Protein backbone atom coordinates (compact mmCIF):
# COMPACT_ATOMS: atom_id res chain seq x y z
CA MET A 1 98.49 158.33 171.71
CA GLN A 2 100.03 161.44 170.16
CA THR A 3 103.36 163.29 170.20
CA ILE A 4 103.89 167.00 170.53
CA THR A 5 107.11 168.97 170.22
CA ARG A 6 108.05 172.33 171.69
CA LYS A 7 111.13 174.22 170.51
CA LEU A 8 113.19 176.54 172.80
CA GLU A 9 116.48 178.35 172.20
CA PHE A 10 119.27 179.44 174.50
CA ASP A 11 122.83 180.68 174.27
CA ALA A 12 125.72 179.06 176.12
CA GLY A 13 129.45 178.67 175.99
CA HIS A 14 131.58 175.58 176.39
CA ARG A 15 134.74 173.90 175.20
CA ILE A 16 135.81 170.36 174.39
CA PRO A 17 139.17 170.25 176.26
CA ASP A 18 141.00 167.53 174.31
CA HIS A 19 139.48 168.09 170.88
CA ARG A 20 141.82 168.39 167.91
CA SER A 21 139.97 171.29 166.24
CA GLN A 22 138.85 174.78 167.24
CA CYS A 23 136.30 173.27 169.63
CA ARG A 24 139.06 173.02 172.28
CA ASN A 25 138.86 176.84 172.57
CA LEU A 26 136.25 178.70 174.61
CA HIS A 27 133.29 179.39 172.29
CA GLY A 28 129.52 179.55 172.26
CA HIS A 29 126.47 178.37 170.43
CA ARG A 30 122.83 179.34 169.93
CA TYR A 31 121.40 176.00 170.99
CA VAL A 32 117.95 174.89 169.87
CA LEU A 33 116.20 172.43 172.15
CA GLU A 34 113.26 170.33 170.90
CA ILE A 35 111.21 168.58 173.57
CA SER A 36 108.86 165.82 172.33
CA LEU A 37 106.21 164.50 174.68
CA GLN A 38 103.95 161.53 174.04
CA GLY A 39 100.62 160.91 175.66
CA ASP A 40 96.86 160.63 175.37
CA LEU A 41 94.71 163.64 174.71
CA VAL A 42 93.20 165.17 177.83
CA ASP A 43 89.51 164.41 177.72
CA VAL A 44 88.18 165.95 180.92
CA GLU A 45 85.05 168.04 180.62
CA GLY A 46 85.91 171.70 181.30
CA ALA A 47 89.65 171.17 181.51
CA PRO A 48 91.62 174.07 180.03
CA ASP A 49 93.90 171.61 178.17
CA ARG A 50 91.08 169.38 176.84
CA GLY A 51 91.97 168.02 173.43
CA MET A 52 95.69 168.47 174.06
CA VAL A 53 98.51 166.15 175.06
CA MET A 54 99.79 169.02 177.18
CA ASP A 55 99.43 172.77 176.91
CA PHE A 56 102.51 174.10 175.08
CA ALA A 57 102.77 176.94 177.61
CA ASP A 58 103.16 174.32 180.36
CA VAL A 59 105.81 172.45 178.37
CA LYS A 60 107.73 175.69 178.00
CA ALA A 61 107.31 176.83 181.60
CA LEU A 62 108.63 173.57 183.05
CA ALA A 63 111.58 173.45 180.66
CA MET A 64 112.45 177.05 181.32
CA GLU A 65 112.34 176.59 185.13
CA HIS A 66 114.30 173.34 185.31
CA LEU A 67 116.79 173.62 182.43
CA VAL A 68 116.82 176.56 179.98
CA ASN A 69 117.04 179.37 182.53
CA LYS A 70 119.97 177.54 184.21
CA TRP A 71 121.90 176.99 180.98
CA ASP A 72 121.03 180.22 179.09
CA HIS A 73 124.01 182.58 178.94
CA ALA A 74 126.03 180.22 181.14
CA PHE A 75 129.41 178.66 180.49
CA ILE A 76 128.96 174.88 180.66
CA VAL A 77 132.24 173.30 181.77
CA TYR A 78 133.45 169.69 182.45
CA GLU A 79 134.39 169.22 186.13
CA GLY A 80 137.72 167.75 184.99
CA ASP A 81 138.61 170.90 182.98
CA VAL A 82 140.51 172.33 185.94
CA LYS A 83 142.17 175.31 184.26
CA VAL A 84 138.93 176.65 182.88
CA ARG A 85 137.03 176.02 186.09
CA GLU A 86 139.69 177.87 188.06
CA PHE A 87 139.55 180.77 185.57
CA LEU A 88 135.75 180.98 185.76
CA GLN A 89 135.87 181.04 189.55
CA THR A 90 137.88 184.31 189.30
CA LEU A 91 134.93 186.04 187.61
CA SER A 92 132.57 187.32 190.24
CA ASP A 93 128.88 186.37 189.70
CA HIS A 94 129.76 184.42 186.52
CA LYS A 95 127.05 182.00 185.46
CA THR A 96 128.80 178.61 185.30
CA VAL A 97 127.27 175.13 184.99
CA VAL A 98 129.62 172.34 185.99
CA LEU A 99 128.96 168.87 184.53
CA ASP A 100 130.32 165.46 185.36
CA ARG A 101 131.05 164.91 181.67
CA ILE A 102 132.55 166.81 178.74
CA PRO A 103 129.91 169.27 177.36
CA THR A 104 129.57 167.82 173.86
CA VAL A 105 126.11 168.15 172.27
CA GLU A 106 125.62 164.43 172.83
CA ASN A 107 126.29 164.72 176.59
CA LEU A 108 124.28 167.93 176.93
CA ALA A 109 121.30 166.23 175.19
CA ALA A 110 121.59 163.27 177.63
CA VAL A 111 121.74 165.55 180.69
CA ALA A 112 118.82 167.58 179.36
CA PHE A 113 116.79 164.41 178.77
CA ASP A 114 117.43 163.15 182.33
CA ILE A 115 116.45 166.47 183.87
CA LEU A 116 113.35 166.91 181.79
CA ALA A 117 112.19 163.31 182.03
CA ASN A 118 112.07 163.65 185.79
CA VAL A 119 110.23 166.93 185.56
CA TYR A 120 107.49 165.88 183.13
CA ASP A 121 107.09 162.37 184.63
CA ALA A 122 106.71 163.88 188.14
CA HIS A 123 104.10 166.39 187.02
CA TYR A 124 102.05 164.24 184.70
CA GLY A 125 102.64 160.61 185.69
CA VAL A 126 101.75 157.66 183.53
CA ASN A 127 99.66 159.63 180.96
CA LEU A 128 102.56 161.68 179.64
CA LYS A 129 106.19 160.75 178.94
CA LEU A 130 109.16 162.60 177.55
CA LYS A 131 109.76 160.77 174.27
CA ARG A 132 112.75 162.62 172.81
CA VAL A 133 115.13 165.53 173.36
CA ARG A 134 116.84 166.89 170.30
CA LEU A 135 119.55 169.46 170.88
CA TYR A 136 120.98 171.48 167.97
CA GLU A 137 124.48 172.82 168.43
CA THR A 138 124.41 174.38 165.00
CA PRO A 139 121.73 174.33 162.27
CA ASN A 140 123.42 171.26 160.76
CA CYS A 141 124.58 169.36 163.86
CA TRP A 142 122.41 167.90 166.61
CA ALA A 143 122.04 164.96 169.02
CA ASP A 144 118.93 163.02 169.89
CA VAL A 145 118.21 161.13 173.09
CA GLU A 146 115.02 159.00 172.94
CA ARG A 147 113.18 156.92 175.54
CA THR A 148 113.41 153.25 174.58
């Protein structure tokens, strides 16, 4: 069994409504997402991904389709942040992602893990599992969610 990791980046805005620092204001980050998958090497004669856990291009394509393209250049807002949600609704064609929790890096990592675990598990079954999602909010601050 081996583990591979693919890194992707996206930009998004958010705010932490009740925070005591500047994070209560509307602001954005250049997020870095690391997706770690664990599985056995493909050992099927003639398979294009033979010798791999999974082709990195496939790791990226699935993450882009199901998560990154939806969050990139979006404003991620907590459903209970009524003032900001109402403001965002006044902007025509604004890309907004509404979450059932405050968009801290910890919560975003947990949501990302849940989305991606379903995607990779559905496509690759028992031979491949999402092991960890690491989401950097800044170069020095990140959250990990790992399969136990």
